[in-house]
Amino acid sequence: MSGTRTLHPVFQFAFNKRYLREVQYAGMRNYQNRKSDVLLEWYAQQYKDQFDLTTIDRILEVGCGDGAFWKYAVGDRPFKPEIVMTDLVEKMLAHCKDNLSPLKLRAHYQPADIDSLPFKPASFTAVLAHKVIYHAENPEQAIAGFQQVLRPNGFLGLAVLNQGAYQSIWRLANSINPDIPDQSLTVRFNNVDANETLPRYFPEITTRTYTSTRKFVGSEAVVEYVRTHPNTQSLRLSDNFFGLFRAKVKDEIKNKGSFDCEYNSNLYLCRKKNG
């Protein structure tokens, strides 16, 4: 389990709440430089195939970000469930609210910490947590919290980036500066951890797997991904580092046509036992 591993010190920034509020997500730049809607669209399709979100009365989303998931989940369908959107950062919630205003959802926006959800037990029929579990100080306790706020027979949709995701980027960065860990935030909680942990809390689990390669045809997106990532914030990397990193990314794009990295994810659809 991730909680028992010895982790590189930079990973503390993944769950340092003051840092996340005041630096990492104080504005949208860091978030936008690291997000991709490809997975959000894929997650939405999995729910349509497995669970019809339109039939659920009350949904909690933990770590809603800019709310882009709902554009794919709702589309042009009637959508009547009440949704409680939560995020650690109020500015992110405000952006989410603005972003989703055209959908006219029955949505409420509330700041909340993944490690201490401010909701009564059995408050929701569904809890969604997409690529946010890495920010929990204790991921397993966060999952226990999700289970607690679910009603009997409710379900959790938990999405994680899988072991090895974005490995190519971090290995390249580490080859230039060994102070940078050669792996992403997935080291804190990935599909291996989820496969071990989730059965302790949910008797029925369906796993959907997305396997792909993310291809960057320009160097700046890769550079900004590293520059704005929690992994690098305490290291105060120099312009010289980013110059060398950019040059190596450009060389790969020139030689191969793109800079490729692993982009794999699991979505776990977990049913709470009835009673």
C-alpha atoms as a PDB file:
ATOM      1  CA  MET A   1       0.000   0.000   0.000  1.00  0.00           C
ATOM      2  CA  SER A   2       1.112   3.542  -0.749  1.00  0.00           C
ATOM      3  CA  GLY A   3       0.814   4.570   2.884  1.00  0.00           C
ATOM      4  CA  THR A   4       3.664   2.245   3.877  1.00  0.00           C
ATOM      5  CA  ARG A   5       6.127   3.196   1.126  1.00  0.00           C
ATOM      6  CA  THR A   6       9.139   5.416   1.564  1.00  0.00           C
ATOM      7  CA  LEU A   7       8.414   8.205  -0.887  1.00  0.00           C
ATOM      8  CA  HIS A   8      10.564  10.948  -2.350  1.00  0.00           C
ATOM      9  CA  PRO A   9      10.187  14.130  -0.216  1.00  0.00           C
ATOM     10  CA  VAL A  10       8.680  16.134  -3.088  1.00  0.00           C
ATOM     11  CA  PHE A  11       5.525  14.031  -2.926  1.00  0.00           C
ATOM     12  CA  GLN A  12       4.541  15.791   0.295  1.00  0.00           C
ATOM     13  CA  PHE A  13       3.402  18.697  -1.878  1.00  0.00           C
ATOM     14  CA  ALA A  14       0.675  16.480  -3.315  1.00  0.00           C
ATOM     15  CA  PHE A  15      -1.188  16.565   0.001  1.00  0.00           C
ATOM     16  CA  ASN A  16       0.109  19.780   1.592  1.00  0.00           C
ATOM     17  CA  LYS A  17      -3.235  21.588   1.808  1.00  0.00           C
ATOM     18  CA  ARG A  18      -1.783  25.048   2.308  1.00  0.00           C
ATOM     19  CA  TYR A  19       0.449  24.648  -0.737  1.00  0.00           C
ATOM     20  CA  LEU A  20      -2.436  23.304  -2.845  1.00  0.00           C
ATOM     21  CA  ARG A  21      -4.696  26.228  -1.888  1.00  0.00           C
ATOM     22  CA  GLU A  22      -2.162  29.037  -2.073  1.00  0.00           C
ATOM     23  CA  VAL A  23       0.136  27.936  -4.892  1.00  0.00           C
ATOM     24  CA  GLN A  24      -0.727  24.904  -6.996  1.00  0.00           C
ATOM     25  CA  TYR A  25      -4.399  25.710  -7.549  1.00  0.00           C
ATOM     26  CA  ALA A  26      -4.513  29.371  -6.562  1.00  0.00           C
ATOM     27  CA  GLY A  27      -4.984  30.111 -10.265  1.00  0.00           C
ATOM     28  CA  MET A  28      -5.915  28.038 -13.293  1.00  0.00           C
ATOM     29  CA  ARG A  29      -2.496  27.979 -15.017  1.00  0.00           C
ATOM     30  CA  ASN A  30      -1.073  24.950 -13.207  1.00  0.00           C
ATOM     31  CA  TYR A  31      -4.335  23.055 -13.558  1.00  0.00           C
ATOM     32  CA  GLN A  32      -4.787  23.788 -17.249  1.00  0.00           C
ATOM     33  CA  ASN A  33      -1.197  22.820 -18.073  1.00  0.00           C
ATOM     34  CA  ARG A  34      -1.714  19.350 -16.614  1.00  0.00           C
ATOM     35  CA  LYS A  35      -5.273  18.437 -17.612  1.00  0.00           C
ATOM     36  CA  SER A  36      -6.610  16.540 -20.576  1.00  0.00           C
ATOM     37  CA  ASP A  37     -10.285  16.038 -21.328  1.00  0.00           C
ATOM     38  CA  VAL A  38      -9.674  12.769 -23.180  1.00  0.00           C
ATOM     39  CA  LEU A  39     -10.004  10.712 -20.016  1.00  0.00           C
ATOM     40  CA  LEU A  40     -12.961  12.726 -18.717  1.00  0.00           C
ATOM     41  CA  GLU A  41     -14.871  11.955 -21.899  1.00  0.00           C
ATOM     42  CA  TRP A  42     -13.936   8.286 -21.589  1.00  0.00           C
ATOM     43  CA  TYR A  43     -15.044   8.181 -17.927  1.00  0.00           C
ATOM     44  CA  ALA A  44     -18.390   9.696 -18.885  1.00  0.00           C
ATOM     45  CA  GLN A  45     -18.932   6.991 -21.495  1.00  0.00           C
ATOM     46  CA  GLN A  46     -18.200   4.256 -18.948  1.00  0.00           C
ATOM     47  CA  TYR A  47     -20.886   5.608 -16.630  1.00  0.00           C
ATOM     48  CA  LYS A  48     -23.365   5.662 -19.504  1.00  0.00           C
ATOM     49  CA  ASP A  49     -22.542   2.014 -20.210  1.00  0.00           C
ATOM     50  CA  GLN A  50     -22.581   0.824 -16.583  1.00  0.00           C
ATOM     51  CA  PHE A  51     -24.595   3.246 -14.426  1.00  0.00           C
ATOM     52  CA  ASP A  52     -27.065   5.801 -15.716  1.00  0.00           C
ATOM     53  CA  LEU A  53     -26.216   8.917 -13.726  1.00  0.00           C
ATOM     54  CA  THR A  54     -29.517  10.512 -14.752  1.00  0.00           C
ATOM     55  CA  THR A  55     -31.382   8.036 -12.523  1.00  0.00           C
ATOM     56  CA  ILE A  56     -29.437   8.930  -9.356  1.00  0.00           C
ATOM     57  CA  ASP A  57     -30.976  11.443  -6.998  1.00  0.00           C
ATOM     58  CA  ARG A  58     -27.924  12.860  -5.198  1.00  0.00           C
ATOM     59  CA  ILE A  59     -24.313  12.828  -6.371  1.00  0.00           C
ATOM     60  CA  LEU A  60     -21.140  14.057  -4.673  1.00  0.00           C
ATOM     61  CA  GLU A  61     -18.106  14.902  -6.786  1.00  0.00           C
ATOM     62  CA  VAL A  62     -14.857  15.145  -4.832  1.00  0.00           C
ATOM     63  CA  GLY A  63     -12.236  17.307  -6.521  1.00  0.00           C
ATOM     64  CA  CYS A  64     -14.441  18.636  -9.305  1.00  0.00           C
ATOM     65  CA  GLY A  65     -11.738  20.819 -10.862  1.00  0.00           C
ATOM     66  CA  ASP A  66     -13.172  22.905 -13.683  1.00  0.00           C
ATOM     67  CA  GLY A  67     -16.220  20.631 -14.021  1.00  0.00           C
ATOM     68  CA  ALA A  68     -15.387  19.498 -17.567  1.00  0.00           C
ATOM     69  CA  PHE A  69     -16.502  15.925 -16.819  1.00  0.00           C
ATOM     70  CA  TRP A  70     -20.137  17.042 -16.654  1.00  0.00           C
ATOM     71  CA  LYS A  71     -20.107  18.437 -20.166  1.00  0.00           C
ATOM     72  CA  TYR A  72     -19.471  14.899 -21.386  1.00  0.00           C
ATOM     73  CA  ALA A  73     -21.669  13.161 -18.819  1.00  0.00           C
ATOM     74  CA  VAL A  74     -24.707  15.362 -19.427  1.00  0.00           C
ATOM     75  CA  GLY A  75     -24.481  16.319 -23.084  1.00  0.00           C
ATOM     76  CA  ASP A  76     -27.933  17.185 -24.363  1.00  0.00           C
ATOM     77  CA  ARG A  77     -29.759  14.727 -22.090  1.00  0.00           C
ATOM     78  CA  PRO A  78     -32.213  15.780 -19.384  1.00  0.00           C
ATOM     79  CA  PHE A  79     -30.280  15.714 -16.115  1.00  0.00           C
ATOM     80  CA  LYS A  80     -32.232  16.103 -12.883  1.00  0.00           C
ATOM     81  CA  PRO A  81     -29.984  14.698 -10.115  1.00  0.00           C
ATOM     82  CA  GLU A  82     -28.735  17.062  -7.421  1.00  0.00           C
ATOM     83  CA  ILE A  83     -24.943  17.355  -7.589  1.00  0.00           C
ATOM     84  CA  VAL A  84     -22.727  18.610  -4.787  1.00  0.00           C
ATOM     85  CA  MET A  85     -19.478  19.790  -6.374  1.00  0.00           C
ATOM     86  CA  THR A  86     -16.547  20.002  -3.997  1.00  0.00           C
ATOM     87  CA  ASP A  87     -12.961  21.112  -4.313  1.00  0.00           C
ATOM     88  CA  LEU A  88     -10.299  22.143  -1.831  1.00  0.00           C
ATOM     89  CA  VAL A  89      -9.863  25.516  -3.543  1.00  0.00           C
ATOM     90  CA  GLU A  90     -12.668  28.083  -3.702  1.00  0.00           C
ATOM     91  CA  LYS A  91     -11.263  29.730  -6.841  1.00  0.00           C
ATOM     92  CA  MET A  92     -11.478  26.370  -8.589  1.00  0.00           C
ATOM     93  CA  LEU A  93     -15.097  26.026  -7.513  1.00  0.00           C
ATOM     94  CA  ALA A  94     -15.896  29.479  -8.869  1.00  0.00           C
ATOM     95  CA  HIS A  95     -14.340  28.559 -12.199  1.00  0.00           C
ATOM     96  CA  CYS A  96     -16.281  25.280 -12.224  1.00  0.00           C
ATOM     97  CA  LYS A  97     -19.546  27.126 -11.572  1.00  0.00           C
ATOM     98  CA  ASP A  98     -18.910  29.548 -14.428  1.00  0.00           C
ATOM     99  CA  ASN A  99     -17.856  26.733 -16.727  1.00  0.00           C
ATOM    100  CA  LEU A 100     -21.011  24.696 -16.094  1.00  0.00           C
ATOM    101  CA  SER A 101     -23.541  27.539 -16.025  1.00  0.00           C
ATOM    102  CA  PRO A 102     -24.790  26.771 -19.582  1.00  0.00           C
ATOM    103  CA  LEU A 103     -25.816  23.251 -18.494  1.00  0.00           C
ATOM    104  CA  LYS A 104     -28.292  24.499 -15.868  1.00  0.00           C
ATOM    105  CA  LEU A 105     -27.492  21.658 -13.502  1.00  0.00           C
ATOM    106  CA  ARG A 106     -29.003  21.294 -10.037  1.00  0.00           C
ATOM    107  CA  ALA A 107     -25.538  21.873  -8.627  1.00  0.00           C
ATOM    108  CA  HIS A 108     -24.245  23.181  -5.308  1.00  0.00           C
ATOM    109  CA  TYR A 109     -20.620  24.262  -4.896  1.00  0.00           C
ATOM    110  CA  GLN A 110     -18.908  23.665  -1.571  1.00  0.00           C
ATOM    111  CA  PRO A 111     -15.256  23.742  -0.457  1.00  0.00           C
ATOM    112  CA  ALA A 112     -14.274  20.407   1.047  1.00  0.00           C
ATOM    113  CA  ASP A 113     -11.133  18.519   2.015  1.00  0.00           C
ATOM    114  CA  ILE A 114     -10.875  14.972   0.650  1.00  0.00           C
ATOM    115  CA  ASP A 115      -9.421  13.862   3.992  1.00  0.00           C
ATOM    116  CA  SER A 116     -12.371  15.121   6.065  1.00  0.00           C
ATOM    117  CA  LEU A 117     -15.576  15.337   4.034  1.00  0.00           C
ATOM    118  CA  PRO A 118     -18.134  17.539   5.851  1.00  0.00           C
ATOM    119  CA  PHE A 119     -21.153  15.333   5.107  1.00  0.00           C
ATOM    120  CA  LYS A 120     -23.317  13.042   7.197  1.00  0.00           C
ATOM    121  CA  PRO A 121     -23.142   9.279   6.715  1.00  0.00           C
ATOM    122  CA  ALA A 122     -25.379   7.882   3.971  1.00  0.00           C
ATOM    123  CA  SER A 123     -25.895  11.302   2.347  1.00  0.00           C
ATOM    124  CA  PHE A 124     -25.328  10.368  -1.316  1.00  0.00           C
ATOM    125  CA  THR A 125     -26.343   7.720  -3.800  1.00  0.00           C
ATOM    126  CA  ALA A 126     -23.110   8.191  -5.743  1.00  0.00           C
ATOM    127  CA  VAL A 127     -19.648   9.591  -5.054  1.00  0.00           C
ATOM    128  CA  LEU A 128     -17.337  10.436  -7.959  1.00  0.00           C
ATOM    129  CA  ALA A 129     -13.622  11.019  -7.449  1.00  0.00           C
ATOM    130  CA  HIS A 130     -11.635  11.322 -10.673  1.00  0.00           C
ATOM    131  CA  LYS A 131      -7.832  11.586 -10.498  1.00  0.00           C
ATOM    132  CA  VAL A 132      -7.888  13.263  -7.084  1.00  0.00           C
ATOM    133  CA  ILE A 133      -7.024  10.472  -4.644  1.00  0.00           C
ATOM    134  CA  TYR A 134      -3.300  11.374  -4.961  1.00  0.00           C
ATOM    135  CA  HIS A 135      -4.051  14.584  -3.047  1.00  0.00           C
ATOM    136  CA  ALA A 136      -5.349  12.731   0.018  1.00  0.00           C
ATOM    137  CA  GLU A 137      -2.972  12.675   2.947  1.00  0.00           C
ATOM    138  CA  ASN A 138      -4.114   9.106   3.568  1.00  0.00           C
ATOM    139  CA  PRO A 139      -5.698   7.640   0.398  1.00  0.00           C
ATOM    140  CA  GLU A 140      -7.173   4.590   2.112  1.00  0.00           C
ATOM    141  CA  GLN A 141      -8.850   6.696   4.798  1.00  0.00           C
ATOM    142  CA  ALA A 142     -10.242   8.909   2.050  1.00  0.00           C
ATOM    143  CA  ILE A 143     -11.797   5.835   0.425  1.00  0.00           C
ATOM    144  CA  ALA A 144     -13.277   4.869   3.772  1.00  0.00           C
ATOM    145  CA  GLY A 145     -14.753   8.377   3.925  1.00  0.00           C
ATOM    146  CA  PHE A 146     -16.307   7.942   0.480  1.00  0.00           C
ATOM    147  CA  GLN A 147     -17.873   4.686   1.616  1.00  0.00           C
ATOM    148  CA  GLN A 148     -19.223   6.299   4.785  1.00  0.00           C
ATOM    149  CA  VAL A 149     -21.128   9.079   2.998  1.00  0.00           C
ATOM    150  CA  LEU A 150     -22.676   6.609   0.540  1.00  0.00           C
ATOM    151  CA  ARG A 151     -26.130   5.191   1.080  1.00  0.00           C
ATOM    152  CA  PRO A 152     -26.610   1.413   1.096  1.00  0.00           C
ATOM    153  CA  ASN A 153     -26.392   0.107  -2.471  1.00  0.00           C
ATOM    154  CA  GLY A 154     -24.823   3.415  -3.576  1.00  0.00           C
ATOM    155  CA  PHE A 155     -21.743   3.439  -5.744  1.00  0.00           C
ATOM    156  CA  LEU A 156     -18.321   5.040  -5.909  1.00  0.00           C
ATOM    157  CA  GLY A 157     -16.694   5.990  -9.210  1.00  0.00           C
ATOM    158  CA  LEU A 158     -12.962   6.205  -8.482  1.00  0.00           C
ATOM    159  CA  ALA A 159     -10.547   7.025 -11.317  1.00  0.00           C
ATOM    160  CA  VAL A 160      -6.775   6.732 -11.010  1.00  0.00           C
ATOM    161  CA  LEU A 161      -3.869   7.099 -13.378  1.00  0.00           C
ATOM    162  CA  ASN A 162      -2.209   3.720 -13.590  1.00  0.00           C
ATOM    163  CA  GLN A 163       1.268   2.705 -12.545  1.00  0.00           C
ATOM    164  CA  GLY A 164       3.762   4.037 -15.071  1.00  0.00           C
ATOM    165  CA  ALA A 165       1.587   6.845 -16.430  1.00  0.00           C
ATOM    166  CA  TYR A 166       3.691   9.776 -17.661  1.00  0.00           C
ATOM    167  CA  GLN A 167       6.829   7.740 -16.888  1.00  0.00           C
ATOM    168  CA  SER A 168       8.613   8.925 -20.046  1.00  0.00           C
ATOM    169  CA  ILE A 169       8.389  12.564 -18.973  1.00  0.00           C
ATOM    170  CA  TRP A 170       9.712  11.939 -15.485  1.00  0.00           C
ATOM    171  CA  ARG A 171      12.508   9.634 -16.569  1.00  0.00           C
ATOM    172  CA  LEU A 172      13.735  12.287 -18.985  1.00  0.00           C
ATOM    173  CA  ALA A 173      13.557  14.994 -16.307  1.00  0.00           C
ATOM    174  CA  ASN A 174      15.360  12.728 -13.833  1.00  0.00           C
ATOM    175  CA  SER A 175      18.124  12.006 -16.364  1.00  0.00           C
ATOM    176  CA  ILE A 176      18.934  15.738 -16.375  1.00  0.00           C
ATOM    177  CA  ASN A 177      18.429  16.381 -12.667  1.00  0.00           C
ATOM    178  CA  PRO A 178      18.425  13.323 -10.347  1.00  0.00           C
ATOM    179  CA  ASP A 179      16.719  15.383  -7.621  1.00  0.00           C
ATOM    180  CA  ILE A 180      13.509  15.041  -9.637  1.00  0.00           C
ATOM    181  CA  PRO A 181      11.719  11.740  -8.966  1.00  0.00           C
ATOM    182  CA  ASP A 182      11.519   9.499 -12.027  1.00  0.00           C
ATOM    183  CA  GLN A 183       7.796   8.893 -11.536  1.00  0.00           C
ATOM    184  CA  SER A 184       4.565  10.829 -11.221  1.00  0.00           C
ATOM    185  CA  LEU A 185       2.027  11.286  -8.428  1.00  0.00           C
ATOM    186  CA  THR A 186       0.707   7.828  -9.302  1.00  0.00           C
ATOM    187  CA  VAL A 187       3.322   6.481  -6.918  1.00  0.00           C
ATOM    188  CA  ARG A 188       1.066   7.699  -4.083  1.00  0.00           C
ATOM    189  CA  PHE A 189      -1.953   5.680  -5.239  1.00  0.00           C
ATOM    190  CA  ASN A 190      -2.400   3.867  -8.523  1.00  0.00           C
ATOM    191  CA  ASN A 191      -4.248   0.886  -9.976  1.00  0.00           C
ATOM    192  CA  VAL A 192      -2.118  -1.568  -8.003  1.00  0.00           C
ATOM    193  CA  ASP A 193      -3.109   0.150  -4.747  1.00  0.00           C
ATOM    194  CA  ALA A 194      -6.745   0.401  -5.801  1.00  0.00           C
ATOM    195  CA  ASN A 195      -6.896  -3.305  -6.637  1.00  0.00           C
ATOM    196  CA  GLU A 196      -5.643  -4.054  -3.137  1.00  0.00           C
ATOM    197  CA  THR A 197      -7.633  -1.458  -1.190  1.00  0.00           C
ATOM    198  CA  LEU A 198     -11.090  -1.174  -2.714  1.00  0.00           C
ATOM    199  CA  PRO A 199     -12.262  -4.754  -1.947  1.00  0.00           C
ATOM    200  CA  ARG A 200     -11.891  -3.963   1.770  1.00  0.00           C
ATOM    201  CA  TYR A 201     -14.722  -1.443   1.462  1.00  0.00           C
ATOM    202  CA  PHE A 202     -16.836  -2.544  -1.501  1.00  0.00           C
ATOM    203  CA  PRO A 203     -18.135  -6.052  -2.232  1.00  0.00           C
ATOM    204  CA  GLU A 204     -18.890  -5.406  -5.912  1.00  0.00           C
ATOM    205  CA  ILE A 205     -16.334  -3.731  -8.187  1.00  0.00           C
ATOM    206  CA  THR A 206     -16.293  -3.293 -11.956  1.00  0.00           C
ATOM    207  CA  THR A 207     -12.996  -2.135 -13.464  1.00  0.00           C
ATOM    208  CA  ARG A 208     -12.701  -0.332 -16.777  1.00  0.00           C
ATOM    209  CA  THR A 209      -9.226   0.263 -18.232  1.00  0.00           C
ATOM    210  CA  TYR A 210      -8.092   2.949 -20.651  1.00  0.00           C
ATOM    211  CA  THR A 211      -4.763   2.277 -22.353  1.00  0.00           C
ATOM    212  CA  SER A 212      -3.261   4.796 -24.716  1.00  0.00           C
ATOM    213  CA  THR A 213      -0.224   6.898 -25.547  1.00  0.00           C
ATOM    214  CA  ARG A 214      -0.335  10.646 -25.215  1.00  0.00           C
ATOM    215  CA  LYS A 215       1.522  12.223 -28.116  1.00  0.00           C
ATOM    216  CA  PHE A 216       2.924  15.732 -27.778  1.00  0.00           C
ATOM    217  CA  VAL A 217       3.833  17.386 -31.080  1.00  0.00           C
ATOM    218  CA  GLY A 218       5.162  20.532 -29.423  1.00  0.00           C
ATOM    219  CA  SER A 219       7.744  20.829 -26.645  1.00  0.00           C
ATOM    220  CA  GLU A 220       6.125  23.607 -24.580  1.00  0.00           C
ATOM    221  CA  ALA A 221       3.228  21.475 -23.336  1.00  0.00           C
ATOM    222  CA  VAL A 222       5.705  18.942 -21.923  1.00  0.00           C
ATOM    223  CA  VAL A 223       7.901  21.652 -20.412  1.00  0.00           C
ATOM    224  CA  GLU A 224       4.940  23.354 -18.743  1.00  0.00           C
ATOM    225  CA  TYR A 225       3.659  20.021 -17.457  1.00  0.00           C
ATOM    226  CA  VAL A 226       6.910  19.604 -15.522  1.00  0.00           C
ATOM    227  CA  ARG A 227       7.260  23.284 -14.573  1.00  0.00           C
ATOM    228  CA  THR A 228       3.783  23.414 -12.986  1.00  0.00           C
ATOM    229  CA  HIS A 229       3.758  19.982 -11.351  1.00  0.00           C
ATOM    230  CA  PRO A 230       3.857  19.507  -7.547  1.00  0.00           C
ATOM    231  CA  ASN A 231       6.860  17.198  -8.044  1.00  0.00           C
ATOM    232  CA  THR A 232       9.083  20.139  -8.984  1.00  0.00           C
ATOM    233  CA  GLN A 233       7.860  23.014  -6.825  1.00  0.00           C
ATOM    234  CA  SER A 234      10.297  22.602  -3.934  1.00  0.00           C
ATOM    235  CA  LEU A 235      13.278  22.079  -6.255  1.00  0.00           C
ATOM    236  CA  ARG A 236      13.314  25.584  -7.778  1.00  0.00           C
ATOM    237  CA  LEU A 237      14.585  24.284 -11.074  1.00  0.00           C
ATOM    238  CA  SER A 238      16.798  26.620 -13.075  1.00  0.00           C
ATOM    239  CA  ASP A 239      16.269  28.014 -16.535  1.00  0.00           C
ATOM    240  CA  ASN A 240      19.241  25.890 -17.521  1.00  0.00           C
ATOM    241  CA  PHE A 241      17.373  22.731 -16.570  1.00  0.00           C
ATOM    242  CA  PHE A 242      14.321  23.700 -18.594  1.00  0.00           C
ATOM    243  CA  GLY A 243      16.531  24.659 -21.544  1.00  0.00           C
ATOM    244  CA  LEU A 244      18.143  21.213 -21.541  1.00  0.00           C
ATOM    245  CA  PHE A 245      14.798  19.492 -20.986  1.00  0.00           C
ATOM    246  CA  ARG A 246      13.159  21.427 -23.820  1.00  0.00           C
ATOM    247  CA  ALA A 247      16.023  20.577 -26.163  1.00  0.00           C
ATOM    248  CA  LYS A 248      15.723  16.850 -25.449  1.00  0.00           C
ATOM    249  CA  VAL A 249      11.957  16.924 -25.979  1.00  0.00           C
ATOM    250  CA  LYS A 250      12.430  18.783 -29.273  1.00  0.00           C
ATOM    251  CA  ASP A 251      15.013  16.217 -30.385  1.00  0.00           C
ATOM    252  CA  GLU A 252      12.565  13.374 -29.793  1.00  0.00           C
ATOM    253  CA  ILE A 253       9.790  15.198 -31.631  1.00  0.00           C
ATOM    254  CA  LYS A 254      12.153  15.844 -34.540  1.00  0.00           C
ATOM    255  CA  ASN A 255      13.296  12.214 -34.679  1.00  0.00           C
ATOM    256  CA  LYS A 256       9.969  10.469 -34.001  1.00  0.00           C
ATOM    257  CA  GLY A 257       7.318  13.006 -34.940  1.00  0.00           C
ATOM    258  CA  SER A 258       6.046  13.324 -31.372  1.00  0.00           C
ATOM    259  CA  PHE A 259       7.080  13.019 -27.740  1.00  0.00           C
ATOM    260  CA  ASP A 260       5.182   9.993 -26.473  1.00  0.00           C
ATOM    261  CA  CYS A 261       4.241   9.074 -22.927  1.00  0.00           C
ATOM    262  CA  GLU A 262       2.103   6.439 -21.267  1.00  0.00           C
ATOM    263  CA  TYR A 263      -1.443   7.580 -20.569  1.00  0.00           C
ATOM    264  CA  ASN A 264      -3.273   4.755 -18.827  1.00  0.00           C
ATOM    265  CA  SER A 265      -6.122   4.884 -16.338  1.00  0.00           C
ATOM    266  CA  ASN A 266      -8.540   2.668 -14.455  1.00  0.00           C
ATOM    267  CA  LEU A 267     -12.075   3.645 -13.533  1.00  0.00           C
ATOM    268  CA  TYR A 268     -13.464   1.612 -10.639  1.00  0.00           C
ATOM    269  CA  LEU A 269     -17.242   1.419 -10.299  1.00  0.00           C
ATOM    270  CA  CYS A 270     -17.781   0.172  -6.750  1.00  0.00           C
ATOM    271  CA  ARG A 271     -21.123  -0.805  -5.252  1.00  0.00           C
ATOM    272  CA  LYS A 272     -21.685  -0.477  -1.506  1.00  0.00           C
ATOM    273  CA  LYS A 273     -23.452  -3.402   0.086  1.00  0.00           C
ATOM    274  CA  ASN A 274     -27.164  -3.044   0.703  1.00  0.00           C
ATOM    275  CA  GLY A 275     -27.577  -2.693   4.446  1.00  0.00           C
END
